Amino acid sequence: MLILRPCTPGDLADLLELASRLDSMNLPNDRDFLERRIEQSLASFAGSAGAQTAGKPGIYVFVLQDLEQGRCVGTSMALSKTGIPGFPYYWLEVSSEERRSAHLGRRFVHTKLRLRSTEDGPSEIGGLVLAPEYRRHPGKCGKALSTVRFAFMSMHPDLFEREVIAEMLSPFEEGGRNLLWDAFGRHFTGLPYREADHLSARDKQFIADLFPRDPVYATLFPPEVQAVIGRANDSAVAAVRILEKVGFRSLNQVDPFDGGPYYGVARDAITCVRERRELVLPGTPVHADEIEVGPLALLSAETSGGMTSFRATVVPLDEDGAPVVSKTCREALGVTAGDRVSITPLP
């Protein structure tokens, strides 16, 4: 049985193991950072650090737990807002400039990168990691980890902005090197990529202080560097496909460090947000041997504990589109007949 729920301090060891596979700004392989992140997430789920509370954005970290194995095998997260006063959201705006010489009979289209920022940014999703052995699981674990964030947004739209973005990592070289950073950011900061990326999770002021303010022509970079700008890492291809299925589209924005592309969409246009529906759990659970394989959906619920009691799992739908919920599933989610539950289609 696999369930999705808010991350707790007891999940730290599993979260560190998962972070070692990604080591991104949203999920760095850093024990102290992850301990703080779990505390922030717990406060957010408790309702004490929402987007409208004391100017602090909510951070909602979900884990996928294998109840039989007793460990967390995946994680994903949602940030209610990126870019607040004193902690801006930065990106590189990608634009093009056409130059033509009638005398030489030549035409060039140059890609330009310009640092932009805002202290009133969108919501963001990220930090999705799944243990490799669960990538082909019949429970569609990757889709469940992606969808759970949108189901939660749909249940609590007041906690999130009207626009939602997702950042994809770009390709990396051996040893964790990044071609764009080595050709660009490192020359202006004097920092290796990993150090700069981890520092930006705590303090972004050095970006404003040291990055160039004028547009930079990507034409000046070697061809292999130009090729990674706006290109997602091979490991992110599946995640991009899922996001595109629910409405995300590539923006003319890339990460100022690794050049990974940003995808975005209006929150209420996300398929999983728009199509989530609520229903009352019927009185009679089905037996495991009565469950037939059909379309899958995310079944989620919050009991008397509010957001901290949020639980979700993947269930099949019957021919009428109703969830097929076993006794084991009900016990795992802490719901009984007559409780209100939500159904969110998997992409």
C-alpha atoms as a PDB file:
ATOM      1  CA  MET A   1       0.000   0.000   0.000  1.00  0.00           C
ATOM      2  CA  LEU A   2       1.368   3.404  -1.039  1.00  0.00           C
ATOM      3  CA  ILE A   3       0.114   6.662   0.455  1.00  0.00           C
ATOM      4  CA  LEU A   4       0.982  10.325  -0.016  1.00  0.00           C
ATOM      5  CA  ARG A   5       1.101  12.556   3.055  1.00  0.00           C
ATOM      6  CA  PRO A   6       2.904  15.594   4.523  1.00  0.00           C
ATOM      7  CA  CYS A   7       6.574  15.044   5.364  1.00  0.00           C
ATOM      8  CA  THR A   8       7.483  14.671   9.064  1.00  0.00           C
ATOM      9  CA  PRO A   9      10.784  14.768  11.020  1.00  0.00           C
ATOM     10  CA  GLY A  10      10.829  10.962  11.033  1.00  0.00           C
ATOM     11  CA  ASP A  11      11.214  11.044   7.240  1.00  0.00           C
ATOM     12  CA  LEU A  12      14.532  12.934   7.319  1.00  0.00           C
ATOM     13  CA  ALA A  13      16.767   9.935   6.586  1.00  0.00           C
ATOM     14  CA  ASP A  14      14.600   8.872   3.639  1.00  0.00           C
ATOM     15  CA  LEU A  15      14.433  12.449   2.370  1.00  0.00           C
ATOM     16  CA  LEU A  16      18.234  12.722   2.477  1.00  0.00           C
ATOM     17  CA  GLU A  17      18.498   9.530   0.454  1.00  0.00           C
ATOM     18  CA  LEU A  18      16.109  10.923  -2.148  1.00  0.00           C
ATOM     19  CA  ALA A  19      17.852  14.319  -2.161  1.00  0.00           C
ATOM     20  CA  SER A  20      21.170  12.627  -2.962  1.00  0.00           C
ATOM     21  CA  ARG A  21      19.630  11.656  -6.319  1.00  0.00           C
ATOM     22  CA  LEU A  22      18.683  15.246  -7.248  1.00  0.00           C
ATOM     23  CA  ASP A  23      20.582  17.770  -5.080  1.00  0.00           C
ATOM     24  CA  SER A  24      18.669  20.762  -6.445  1.00  0.00           C
ATOM     25  CA  MET A  25      17.884  24.120  -4.862  1.00  0.00           C
ATOM     26  CA  ASN A  26      14.433  22.859  -3.818  1.00  0.00           C
ATOM     27  CA  LEU A  27      15.785  19.540  -2.535  1.00  0.00           C
ATOM     28  CA  PRO A  28      19.497  19.853  -1.715  1.00  0.00           C
ATOM     29  CA  ASN A  29      21.464  17.008  -0.174  1.00  0.00           C
ATOM     30  CA  ASP A  30      21.956  19.047   2.993  1.00  0.00           C
ATOM     31  CA  ARG A  31      20.792  17.711   6.370  1.00  0.00           C
ATOM     32  CA  ASP A  32      20.494  21.106   8.102  1.00  0.00           C
ATOM     33  CA  PHE A  33      18.576  22.592   5.177  1.00  0.00           C
ATOM     34  CA  LEU A  34      16.183  19.639   4.980  1.00  0.00           C
ATOM     35  CA  GLU A  35      15.549  19.729   8.724  1.00  0.00           C
ATOM     36  CA  ARG A  36      14.515  23.374   8.386  1.00  0.00           C
ATOM     37  CA  ARG A  37      12.480  22.598   5.285  1.00  0.00           C
ATOM     38  CA  ILE A  38      10.533  19.883   7.131  1.00  0.00           C
ATOM     39  CA  GLU A  39       9.835  22.305  10.003  1.00  0.00           C
ATOM     40  CA  GLN A  40       8.624  24.942   7.526  1.00  0.00           C
ATOM     41  CA  SER A  41       6.434  22.396   5.778  1.00  0.00           C
ATOM     42  CA  LEU A  42       4.862  21.214   9.030  1.00  0.00           C
ATOM     43  CA  ALA A  43       4.119  24.834   9.984  1.00  0.00           C
ATOM     44  CA  SER A  44       2.568  25.424   6.570  1.00  0.00           C
ATOM     45  CA  PHE A  45       0.320  22.373   6.785  1.00  0.00           C
ATOM     46  CA  ALA A  46      -0.653  23.513  10.284  1.00  0.00           C
ATOM     47  CA  GLY A  47      -1.820  26.780   8.763  1.00  0.00           C
ATOM     48  CA  SER A  48       0.735  29.009  10.507  1.00  0.00           C
ATOM     49  CA  ALA A  49       2.903  29.865   7.500  1.00  0.00           C
ATOM     50  CA  GLY A  50       0.522  30.323   4.588  1.00  0.00           C
ATOM     51  CA  ALA A  51       1.162  32.729   1.749  1.00  0.00           C
ATOM     52  CA  GLN A  52      -0.828  35.466   3.482  1.00  0.00           C
ATOM     53  CA  THR A  53       0.735  35.006   6.934  1.00  0.00           C
ATOM     54  CA  ALA A  54       3.528  37.358   8.021  1.00  0.00           C
ATOM     55  CA  GLY A  55       4.766  37.603   4.441  1.00  0.00           C
ATOM     56  CA  LYS A  56       6.111  34.049   4.551  1.00  0.00           C
ATOM     57  CA  PRO A  57       5.288  31.715   1.678  1.00  0.00           C
ATOM     58  CA  GLY A  58       3.912  28.293   2.500  1.00  0.00           C
ATOM     59  CA  ILE A  59       6.103  25.287   1.715  1.00  0.00           C
ATOM     60  CA  TYR A  60       4.279  21.985   1.324  1.00  0.00           C
ATOM     61  CA  VAL A  61       6.461  18.876   1.139  1.00  0.00           C
ATOM     62  CA  PHE A  62       4.758  15.581   0.308  1.00  0.00           C
ATOM     63  CA  VAL A  63       6.225  12.104   0.623  1.00  0.00           C
ATOM     64  CA  LEU A  64       5.172   8.823  -0.960  1.00  0.00           C
ATOM     65  CA  GLN A  65       5.339   6.122   1.705  1.00  0.00           C
ATOM     66  CA  ASP A  66       5.397   2.382   1.103  1.00  0.00           C
ATOM     67  CA  LEU A  67       3.551   1.169   4.200  1.00  0.00           C
ATOM     68  CA  GLU A  68       4.763  -2.411   3.848  1.00  0.00           C
ATOM     69  CA  GLN A  69       8.403  -1.363   3.496  1.00  0.00           C
ATOM     70  CA  GLY A  70       8.086   1.322   6.155  1.00  0.00           C
ATOM     71  CA  ARG A  71       9.969   3.935   4.159  1.00  0.00           C
ATOM     72  CA  CYS A  72       9.422   6.947   1.932  1.00  0.00           C
ATOM     73  CA  VAL A  73      10.201   6.204  -1.697  1.00  0.00           C
ATOM     74  CA  GLY A  74       9.371   9.546  -3.300  1.00  0.00           C
ATOM     75  CA  THR A  75       8.775  13.211  -2.615  1.00  0.00           C
ATOM     76  CA  SER A  76       7.456  16.364  -4.261  1.00  0.00           C
ATOM     77  CA  MET A  77       6.661  19.853  -3.090  1.00  0.00           C
ATOM     78  CA  ALA A  78       4.720  23.038  -3.755  1.00  0.00           C
ATOM     79  CA  LEU A  79       5.681  26.581  -2.759  1.00  0.00           C
ATOM     80  CA  SER A  80       2.777  28.965  -2.342  1.00  0.00           C
ATOM     81  CA  LYS A  81       4.868  31.861  -3.659  1.00  0.00           C
ATOM     82  CA  THR A  82       8.310  32.535  -5.108  1.00  0.00           C
ATOM     83  CA  GLY A  83       9.524  36.084  -4.870  1.00  0.00           C
ATOM     84  CA  ILE A  84       8.702  38.061  -1.728  1.00  0.00           C
ATOM     85  CA  PRO A  85      10.071  41.342  -0.356  1.00  0.00           C
ATOM     86  CA  GLY A  86      13.698  40.810   0.565  1.00  0.00           C
ATOM     87  CA  PHE A  87      13.904  37.463  -1.242  1.00  0.00           C
ATOM     88  CA  PRO A  88      13.244  38.052  -4.961  1.00  0.00           C
ATOM     89  CA  TYR A  89      12.564  35.465  -7.616  1.00  0.00           C
ATOM     90  CA  TYR A  90      15.202  35.633 -10.386  1.00  0.00           C
ATOM     91  CA  TRP A  91      15.199  34.318 -13.926  1.00  0.00           C
ATOM     92  CA  LEU A  92      16.911  34.908 -17.238  1.00  0.00           C
ATOM     93  CA  GLU A  93      14.567  36.297 -19.868  1.00  0.00           C
ATOM     94  CA  VAL A  94      15.260  34.720 -23.250  1.00  0.00           C
ATOM     95  CA  SER A  95      14.677  36.951 -26.268  1.00  0.00           C
ATOM     96  CA  SER A  96      15.948  37.205 -29.818  1.00  0.00           C
ATOM     97  CA  GLU A  97      17.335  40.062 -31.859  1.00  0.00           C
ATOM     98  CA  GLU A  98      17.544  40.062 -35.638  1.00  0.00           C
ATOM     99  CA  ARG A  99      20.424  41.862 -37.341  1.00  0.00           C
ATOM    100  CA  ARG A 100      20.766  42.200 -41.090  1.00  0.00           C
ATOM    101  CA  SER A 101      23.323  43.698 -43.444  1.00  0.00           C
ATOM    102  CA  ALA A 102      22.046  44.453 -46.947  1.00  0.00           C
ATOM    103  CA  HIS A 103      25.589  45.309 -47.982  1.00  0.00           C
ATOM    104  CA  LEU A 104      26.958  41.885 -46.966  1.00  0.00           C
ATOM    105  CA  GLY A 105      23.747  40.035 -47.736  1.00  0.00           C
ATOM    106  CA  ARG A 106      23.774  38.446 -44.300  1.00  0.00           C
ATOM    107  CA  ARG A 107      21.186  37.969 -41.573  1.00  0.00           C
ATOM    108  CA  PHE A 108      21.723  36.888 -37.977  1.00  0.00           C
ATOM    109  CA  VAL A 109      19.263  36.083 -35.179  1.00  0.00           C
ATOM    110  CA  HIS A 110      20.926  36.416 -31.789  1.00  0.00           C
ATOM    111  CA  THR A 111      19.619  34.913 -28.550  1.00  0.00           C
ATOM    112  CA  LYS A 112      19.859  37.311 -25.618  1.00  0.00           C
ATOM    113  CA  LEU A 113      19.742  36.566 -21.897  1.00  0.00           C
ATOM    114  CA  ARG A 114      18.728  39.264 -19.426  1.00  0.00           C
ATOM    115  CA  LEU A 115      18.417  38.952 -15.662  1.00  0.00           C
ATOM    116  CA  ARG A 116      14.947  39.739 -14.366  1.00  0.00           C
ATOM    117  CA  SER A 117      13.472  39.648 -10.885  1.00  0.00           C
ATOM    118  CA  THR A 118      10.293  40.233  -8.948  1.00  0.00           C
ATOM    119  CA  GLU A 119       9.282  40.363  -5.291  1.00  0.00           C
ATOM    120  CA  ASP A 120       5.726  39.360  -6.212  1.00  0.00           C
ATOM    121  CA  GLY A 121       6.179  36.058  -8.011  1.00  0.00           C
ATOM    122  CA  PRO A 122       4.107  32.975  -8.828  1.00  0.00           C
ATOM    123  CA  SER A 123       3.630  29.703  -6.992  1.00  0.00           C
ATOM    124  CA  GLU A 124       6.125  26.970  -7.836  1.00  0.00           C
ATOM    125  CA  ILE A 125       6.187  23.198  -7.889  1.00  0.00           C
ATOM    126  CA  GLY A 126       9.388  21.164  -7.733  1.00  0.00           C
ATOM    127  CA  GLY A 127      11.524  18.709  -5.804  1.00  0.00           C
ATOM    128  CA  LEU A 128       9.974  15.622  -7.407  1.00  0.00           C
ATOM    129  CA  VAL A 129      12.136  12.545  -6.852  1.00  0.00           C
ATOM    130  CA  LEU A 130      11.147   8.889  -7.034  1.00  0.00           C
ATOM    131  CA  ALA A 131      13.272   5.882  -6.080  1.00  0.00           C
ATOM    132  CA  PRO A 132      14.252   4.108  -9.337  1.00  0.00           C
ATOM    133  CA  GLU A 133      12.698   0.777  -8.341  1.00  0.00           C
ATOM    134  CA  TYR A 134       9.248   2.435  -8.185  1.00  0.00           C
ATOM    135  CA  ARG A 135       9.346   4.126 -11.598  1.00  0.00           C
ATOM    136  CA  ARG A 136       7.421   1.315 -13.304  1.00  0.00           C
ATOM    137  CA  HIS A 137       5.129   0.599 -10.378  1.00  0.00           C
ATOM    138  CA  PRO A 138       1.500  -0.131 -11.374  1.00  0.00           C
ATOM    139  CA  GLY A 139       0.414   2.598  -8.964  1.00  0.00           C
ATOM    140  CA  LYS A 140       1.828   5.260 -11.341  1.00  0.00           C
ATOM    141  CA  CYS A 141       4.014   6.701  -8.597  1.00  0.00           C
ATOM    142  CA  GLY A 142       5.549   9.502 -10.660  1.00  0.00           C
ATOM    143  CA  LYS A 143       2.167  10.755 -11.810  1.00  0.00           C
ATOM    144  CA  ALA A 144       0.817  10.497  -8.263  1.00  0.00           C
ATOM    145  CA  LEU A 145       3.694  12.595  -6.869  1.00  0.00           C
ATOM    146  CA  SER A 146       3.073  15.227  -9.526  1.00  0.00           C
ATOM    147  CA  THR A 147      -0.727  15.215  -9.212  1.00  0.00           C
ATOM    148  CA  VAL A 148      -0.862  15.397  -5.398  1.00  0.00           C
ATOM    149  CA  ARG A 149       0.384  19.001  -5.522  1.00  0.00           C
ATOM    150  CA  PHE A 150      -2.411  20.054  -7.859  1.00  0.00           C
ATOM    151  CA  ALA A 151      -5.048  18.210  -5.845  1.00  0.00           C
ATOM    152  CA  PHE A 152      -3.884  20.112  -2.752  1.00  0.00           C
ATOM    153  CA  MET A 153      -3.905  23.411  -4.670  1.00  0.00           C
ATOM    154  CA  SER A 154      -7.455  22.760  -5.807  1.00  0.00           C
ATOM    155  CA  MET A 155      -8.521  22.050  -2.210  1.00  0.00           C
ATOM    156  CA  HIS A 156      -6.809  25.232  -0.915  1.00  0.00           C
ATOM    157  CA  PRO A 157      -6.646  27.781  -3.765  1.00  0.00           C
ATOM    158  CA  ASP A 158      -6.386  30.685  -1.306  1.00  0.00           C
ATOM    159  CA  LEU A 159      -2.885  29.513  -0.352  1.00  0.00           C
ATOM    160  CA  PHE A 160      -1.517  29.761  -3.906  1.00  0.00           C
ATOM    161  CA  GLU A 161      -0.987  32.384  -6.582  1.00  0.00           C
ATOM    162  CA  ARG A 162      -2.924  32.568  -9.841  1.00  0.00           C
ATOM    163  CA  GLU A 163       0.158  31.499 -11.834  1.00  0.00           C
ATOM    164  CA  VAL A 164       2.219  28.361 -11.243  1.00  0.00           C
ATOM    165  CA  ILE A 165       5.707  27.629 -12.573  1.00  0.00           C
ATOM    166  CA  ALA A 166       8.010  24.621 -12.644  1.00  0.00           C
ATOM    167  CA  GLU A 167      11.775  24.706 -13.173  1.00  0.00           C
ATOM    168  CA  MET A 168      13.488  21.843 -14.989  1.00  0.00           C
ATOM    169  CA  LEU A 169      17.150  21.045 -14.494  1.00  0.00           C
ATOM    170  CA  SER A 170      19.344  21.336 -17.580  1.00  0.00           C
ATOM    171  CA  PRO A 171      21.920  18.694 -18.624  1.00  0.00           C
ATOM    172  CA  PHE A 172      24.964  18.344 -16.373  1.00  0.00           C
ATOM    173  CA  GLU A 173      28.483  17.133 -17.026  1.00  0.00           C
ATOM    174  CA  GLU A 174      30.455  14.632 -14.943  1.00  0.00           C
ATOM    175  CA  GLY A 175      31.212  15.849 -11.452  1.00  0.00           C
ATOM    176  CA  GLY A 176      28.060  18.003 -11.348  1.00  0.00           C
ATOM    177  CA  ARG A 177      29.458  20.682 -13.666  1.00  0.00           C
ATOM    178  CA  ASN A 178      27.080  22.804 -15.720  1.00  0.00           C
ATOM    179  CA  LEU A 179      28.161  24.233 -19.064  1.00  0.00           C
ATOM    180  CA  LEU A 180      26.173  27.474 -18.874  1.00  0.00           C
ATOM    181  CA  TRP A 181      27.315  28.199 -15.338  1.00  0.00           C
ATOM    182  CA  ASP A 182      30.964  27.625 -16.247  1.00  0.00           C
ATOM    183  CA  ALA A 183      30.626  29.931 -19.273  1.00  0.00           C
ATOM    184  CA  PHE A 184      28.524  32.596 -17.579  1.00  0.00           C
ATOM    185  CA  GLY A 185      27.680  32.662 -13.883  1.00  0.00           C
ATOM    186  CA  ARG A 186      31.057  31.506 -12.629  1.00  0.00           C
ATOM    187  CA  HIS A 187      32.810  34.415 -14.346  1.00  0.00           C
ATOM    188  CA  PHE A 188      30.657  36.914 -12.437  1.00  0.00           C
ATOM    189  CA  THR A 189      30.544  35.240  -9.019  1.00  0.00           C
ATOM    190  CA  GLY A 190      33.783  33.248  -8.720  1.00  0.00           C
ATOM    191  CA  LEU A 191      31.730  30.357  -7.279  1.00  0.00           C
ATOM    192  CA  PRO A 192      31.412  26.732  -8.445  1.00  0.00           C
ATOM    193  CA  TYR A 193      27.902  25.723  -9.469  1.00  0.00           C
ATOM    194  CA  ARG A 194      26.926  23.632  -6.429  1.00  0.00           C
ATOM    195  CA  GLU A 195      28.107  26.258  -3.954  1.00  0.00           C
ATOM    196  CA  ALA A 196      26.208  29.017  -5.737  1.00  0.00           C
ATOM    197  CA  ASP A 197      23.052  26.897  -6.082  1.00  0.00           C
ATOM    198  CA  HIS A 198      23.017  25.959  -2.379  1.00  0.00           C
ATOM    199  CA  LEU A 199      23.784  29.547  -1.340  1.00  0.00           C
ATOM    200  CA  SER A 200      20.853  30.848  -3.389  1.00  0.00           C
ATOM    201  CA  ALA A 201      18.457  28.694  -1.356  1.00  0.00           C
ATOM    202  CA  ARG A 202      19.351  30.811   1.703  1.00  0.00           C
ATOM    203  CA  ASP A 203      20.397  34.196   0.296  1.00  0.00           C
ATOM    204  CA  LYS A 204      19.921  35.499  -3.246  1.00  0.00           C
ATOM    205  CA  GLN A 205      21.451  38.949  -2.763  1.00  0.00           C
ATOM    206  CA  PHE A 206      24.704  37.943  -4.482  1.00  0.00           C
ATOM    207  CA  ILE A 207      22.747  37.409  -7.712  1.00  0.00           C
ATOM    208  CA  ALA A 208      21.616  41.050  -7.797  1.00  0.00           C
ATOM    209  CA  ASP A 209      25.032  42.265  -6.672  1.00  0.00           C
ATOM    210  CA  LEU A 210      27.206  40.348  -9.137  1.00  0.00           C
ATOM    211  CA  PHE A 211      25.251  39.260 -12.210  1.00  0.00           C
ATOM    212  CA  PRO A 212      25.370  41.618 -15.228  1.00  0.00           C
ATOM    213  CA  ARG A 213      22.420  43.975 -15.530  1.00  0.00           C
ATOM    214  CA  ASP A 214      22.654  44.404 -19.294  1.00  0.00           C
ATOM    215  CA  PRO A 215      21.602  41.706 -21.805  1.00  0.00           C
ATOM    216  CA  VAL A 216      24.195  39.058 -22.623  1.00  0.00           C
ATOM    217  CA  TYR A 217      24.397  37.666 -26.163  1.00  0.00           C
ATOM    218  CA  ALA A 218      24.380  33.860 -26.037  1.00  0.00           C
ATOM    219  CA  THR A 219      26.037  33.980 -29.464  1.00  0.00           C
ATOM    220  CA  LEU A 220      29.291  34.625 -27.614  1.00  0.00           C
ATOM    221  CA  PHE A 221      29.102  31.215 -25.917  1.00  0.00           C
ATOM    222  CA  PRO A 222      30.505  28.052 -27.529  1.00  0.00           C
ATOM    223  CA  PRO A 223      27.927  25.997 -29.494  1.00  0.00           C
ATOM    224  CA  GLU A 224      27.798  23.275 -26.820  1.00  0.00           C
ATOM    225  CA  VAL A 225      26.857  25.906 -24.211  1.00  0.00           C
ATOM    226  CA  GLN A 226      24.188  27.469 -26.418  1.00  0.00           C
ATOM    227  CA  ALA A 227      22.704  23.982 -26.931  1.00  0.00           C
ATOM    228  CA  VAL A 228      21.862  23.494 -23.229  1.00  0.00           C
ATOM    229  CA  ILE A 229      20.061  26.840 -22.751  1.00  0.00           C
ATOM    230  CA  GLY A 230      16.390  26.065 -22.282  1.00  0.00           C
ATOM    231  CA  ARG A 231      16.908  22.315 -22.614  1.00  0.00           C
ATOM    232  CA  ALA A 232      15.684  19.936 -19.908  1.00  0.00           C
ATOM    233  CA  ASN A 233      17.856  17.176 -18.481  1.00  0.00           C
ATOM    234  CA  ASP A 234      17.120  13.702 -19.861  1.00  0.00           C
ATOM    235  CA  SER A 235      15.945  12.656 -16.389  1.00  0.00           C
ATOM    236  CA  ALA A 236      13.312  15.412 -16.468  1.00  0.00           C
ATOM    237  CA  VAL A 237      11.720  14.400 -19.778  1.00  0.00           C
ATOM    238  CA  ALA A 238       9.020  12.276 -18.110  1.00  0.00           C
ATOM    239  CA  ALA A 239       8.175  15.085 -15.671  1.00  0.00           C
ATOM    240  CA  VAL A 240       7.894  17.560 -18.555  1.00  0.00           C
ATOM    241  CA  ARG A 241       5.484  15.257 -20.391  1.00  0.00           C
ATOM    242  CA  ILE A 242       3.254  15.007 -17.316  1.00  0.00           C
ATOM    243  CA  LEU A 243       3.235  18.788 -16.875  1.00  0.00           C
ATOM    244  CA  GLU A 244       2.436  19.376 -20.537  1.00  0.00           C
ATOM    245  CA  LYS A 245      -0.496  16.955 -20.288  1.00  0.00           C
ATOM    246  CA  VAL A 246      -2.069  19.048 -17.523  1.00  0.00           C
ATOM    247  CA  GLY A 247      -1.542  22.379 -19.276  1.00  0.00           C
ATOM    248  CA  PHE A 248       1.982  23.657 -18.583  1.00  0.00           C
ATOM    249  CA  ARG A 249       3.826  25.342 -21.450  1.00  0.00           C
ATOM    250  CA  SER A 250       7.422  26.438 -21.885  1.00  0.00           C
ATOM    251  CA  LEU A 251       8.067  30.086 -20.937  1.00  0.00           C
ATOM    252  CA  ASN A 252      10.700  32.383 -22.391  1.00  0.00           C
ATOM    253  CA  GLN A 253      12.567  32.018 -19.112  1.00  0.00           C
ATOM    254  CA  VAL A 254      15.486  29.891 -17.934  1.00  0.00           C
ATOM    255  CA  ASP A 255      17.241  29.397 -14.628  1.00  0.00           C
ATOM    256  CA  PRO A 256      20.056  31.948 -14.145  1.00  0.00           C
ATOM    257  CA  PHE A 257      22.403  29.211 -12.920  1.00  0.00           C
ATOM    258  CA  ASP A 258      21.990  26.126 -15.112  1.00  0.00           C
ATOM    259  CA  GLY A 259      19.845  27.442 -17.970  1.00  0.00           C
ATOM    260  CA  GLY A 260      17.072  24.905 -17.340  1.00  0.00           C
ATOM    261  CA  PRO A 261      13.689  25.854 -18.827  1.00  0.00           C
ATOM    262  CA  TYR A 262      10.759  27.208 -16.838  1.00  0.00           C
ATOM    263  CA  TYR A 263       7.251  25.960 -17.573  1.00  0.00           C
ATOM    264  CA  GLY A 264       4.135  27.790 -16.460  1.00  0.00           C
ATOM    265  CA  VAL A 265       0.341  27.850 -16.477  1.00  0.00           C
ATOM    266  CA  ALA A 266      -2.569  29.621 -14.822  1.00  0.00           C
ATOM    267  CA  ARG A 267      -3.443  27.702 -11.652  1.00  0.00           C
ATOM    268  CA  ASP A 268      -7.111  27.273 -12.482  1.00  0.00           C
ATOM    269  CA  ALA A 269      -6.287  26.087 -16.005  1.00  0.00           C
ATOM    270  CA  ILE A 270      -4.357  23.052 -14.717  1.00  0.00           C
ATOM    271  CA  THR A 271      -6.373  19.986 -15.688  1.00  0.00           C
ATOM    272  CA  CYS A 272      -5.904  18.333 -12.287  1.00  0.00           C
ATOM    273  CA  VAL A 273      -7.039  21.488 -10.501  1.00  0.00           C
ATOM    274  CA  ARG A 274     -10.014  22.053 -12.768  1.00  0.00           C
ATOM    275  CA  GLU A 275     -11.258  18.456 -12.821  1.00  0.00           C
ATOM    276  CA  ARG A 276     -10.921  17.534  -9.149  1.00  0.00           C
ATOM    277  CA  ARG A 277     -14.309  16.616  -7.733  1.00  0.00           C
ATOM    278  CA  GLU A 278     -15.640  15.865  -4.273  1.00  0.00           C
ATOM    279  CA  LEU A 279     -17.950  13.056  -3.241  1.00  0.00           C
ATOM    280  CA  VAL A 280     -19.178  11.242  -0.160  1.00  0.00           C
ATOM    281  CA  LEU A 281     -17.511   7.897   0.492  1.00  0.00           C
ATOM    282  CA  PRO A 282     -20.068   5.094   0.070  1.00  0.00           C
ATOM    283  CA  GLY A 283     -20.886   2.779   2.931  1.00  0.00           C
ATOM    284  CA  THR A 284     -19.573  -0.556   1.681  1.00  0.00           C
ATOM    285  CA  PRO A 285     -15.880  -1.047   0.872  1.00  0.00           C
ATOM    286  CA  VAL A 286     -14.922  -3.496  -1.844  1.00  0.00           C
ATOM    287  CA  HIS A 287     -12.761  -6.558  -1.241  1.00  0.00           C
ATOM    288  CA  ALA A 288      -9.316  -6.662  -2.793  1.00  0.00           C
ATOM    289  CA  ASP A 289     -10.267  -9.541  -5.103  1.00  0.00           C
ATOM    290  CA  GLU A 290     -13.213  -7.502  -6.433  1.00  0.00           C
ATOM    291  CA  ILE A 291     -11.062  -4.623  -7.656  1.00  0.00           C
ATOM    292  CA  GLU A 292     -10.698  -4.570 -11.424  1.00  0.00           C
ATOM    293  CA  VAL A 293      -7.995  -2.658 -13.227  1.00  0.00           C
ATOM    294  CA  GLY A 294      -9.412   0.516 -14.742  1.00  0.00           C
ATOM    295  CA  PRO A 295      -8.568   4.207 -15.150  1.00  0.00           C
ATOM    296  CA  LEU A 296      -6.601   5.458 -12.166  1.00  0.00           C
ATOM    297  CA  ALA A 297      -7.191   8.557 -10.071  1.00  0.00           C
ATOM    298  CA  LEU A 298      -5.848  10.124  -6.903  1.00  0.00           C
ATOM    299  CA  LEU A 299      -8.148   9.721  -3.914  1.00  0.00           C
ATOM    300  CA  SER A 300      -7.419  12.331  -1.232  1.00  0.00           C
ATOM    301  CA  ALA A 301      -8.968  13.374   2.043  1.00  0.00           C
ATOM    302  CA  GLU A 302      -8.517  15.614   5.064  1.00  0.00           C
ATOM    303  CA  THR A 303     -10.087  14.464   8.293  1.00  0.00           C
ATOM    304  CA  SER A 304     -10.662  16.436  11.505  1.00  0.00           C
ATOM    305  CA  GLY A 305      -6.938  17.249  11.675  1.00  0.00           C
ATOM    306  CA  GLY A 306      -7.248  19.689   8.768  1.00  0.00           C
ATOM    307  CA  MET A 307      -4.369  20.033   6.313  1.00  0.00           C
ATOM    308  CA  THR A 308      -1.992  18.105   8.574  1.00  0.00           C
ATOM    309  CA  SER A 309      -4.240  15.061   8.157  1.00  0.00           C
ATOM    310  CA  PHE A 310      -4.045  15.198   4.350  1.00  0.00           C
ATOM    311  CA  ARG A 311      -3.668  11.711   2.878  1.00  0.00           C
ATOM    312  CA  ALA A 312      -3.916  10.432  -0.687  1.00  0.00           C
ATOM    313  CA  THR A 313      -3.482   7.242  -2.669  1.00  0.00           C
ATOM    314  CA  VAL A 314      -4.093   5.942  -6.180  1.00  0.00           C
ATOM    315  CA  VAL A 315      -7.315   3.991  -6.786  1.00  0.00           C
ATOM    316  CA  PRO A 316      -9.066   2.581  -9.872  1.00  0.00           C
ATOM    317  CA  LEU A 317     -12.340   4.010 -11.130  1.00  0.00           C
ATOM    318  CA  ASP A 318     -15.306   1.862 -12.065  1.00  0.00           C
ATOM    319  CA  GLU A 319     -17.220   2.129 -15.339  1.00  0.00           C
ATOM    320  CA  ASP A 320     -19.291   4.980 -13.894  1.00  0.00           C
ATOM    321  CA  GLY A 321     -16.201   6.942 -12.851  1.00  0.00           C
ATOM    322  CA  ALA A 322     -16.651   6.244  -9.143  1.00  0.00           C
ATOM    323  CA  PRO A 323     -13.585   5.371  -7.019  1.00  0.00           C
ATOM    324  CA  VAL A 324     -13.161   1.726  -6.032  1.00  0.00           C
ATOM    325  CA  VAL A 325     -12.012   1.968  -2.400  1.00  0.00           C
ATOM    326  CA  SER A 326     -11.009  -1.098  -0.397  1.00  0.00           C
ATOM    327  CA  LYS A 327     -11.140  -1.483   3.384  1.00  0.00           C
ATOM    328  CA  THR A 328      -7.319  -1.322   3.494  1.00  0.00           C
ATOM    329  CA  CYS A 329      -7.341   1.906   1.530  1.00  0.00           C
ATOM    330  CA  ARG A 330      -9.915   3.475   3.859  1.00  0.00           C
ATOM    331  CA  GLU A 331      -7.868   2.553   6.899  1.00  0.00           C
ATOM    332  CA  ALA A 332      -4.684   3.955   5.381  1.00  0.00           C
ATOM    333  CA  LEU A 333      -6.376   7.284   4.606  1.00  0.00           C
ATOM    334  CA  GLY A 334      -8.263   7.382   7.915  1.00  0.00           C
ATOM    335  CA  VAL A 335     -11.675   7.731   6.273  1.00  0.00           C
ATOM    336  CA  THR A 336     -14.986   5.965   6.832  1.00  0.00           C
ATOM    337  CA  ALA A 337     -18.375   5.826   5.142  1.00  0.00           C
ATOM    338  CA  GLY A 338     -19.952   9.269   4.861  1.00  0.00           C
ATOM    339  CA  ASP A 339     -16.648  11.200   4.847  1.00  0.00           C
ATOM    340  CA  ARG A 340     -16.001  13.646   2.020  1.00  0.00           C
ATOM    341  CA  VAL A 341     -13.141  12.681  -0.280  1.00  0.00           C
ATOM    342  CA  SER A 342     -11.680  14.127  -3.479  1.00  0.00           C
ATOM    343  CA  ILE A 343     -10.998  12.450  -6.790  1.00  0.00           C
ATOM    344  CA  THR A 344      -8.337  13.903  -9.097  1.00  0.00           C
ATOM    345  CA  PRO A 345      -7.684  12.253 -12.461  1.00  0.00           C
ATOM    346  CA  LEU A 346      -4.113  11.171 -13.196  1.00  0.00           C
ATOM    347  CA  PRO A 347      -2.709  12.631 -16.439  1.00  0.00           C
END
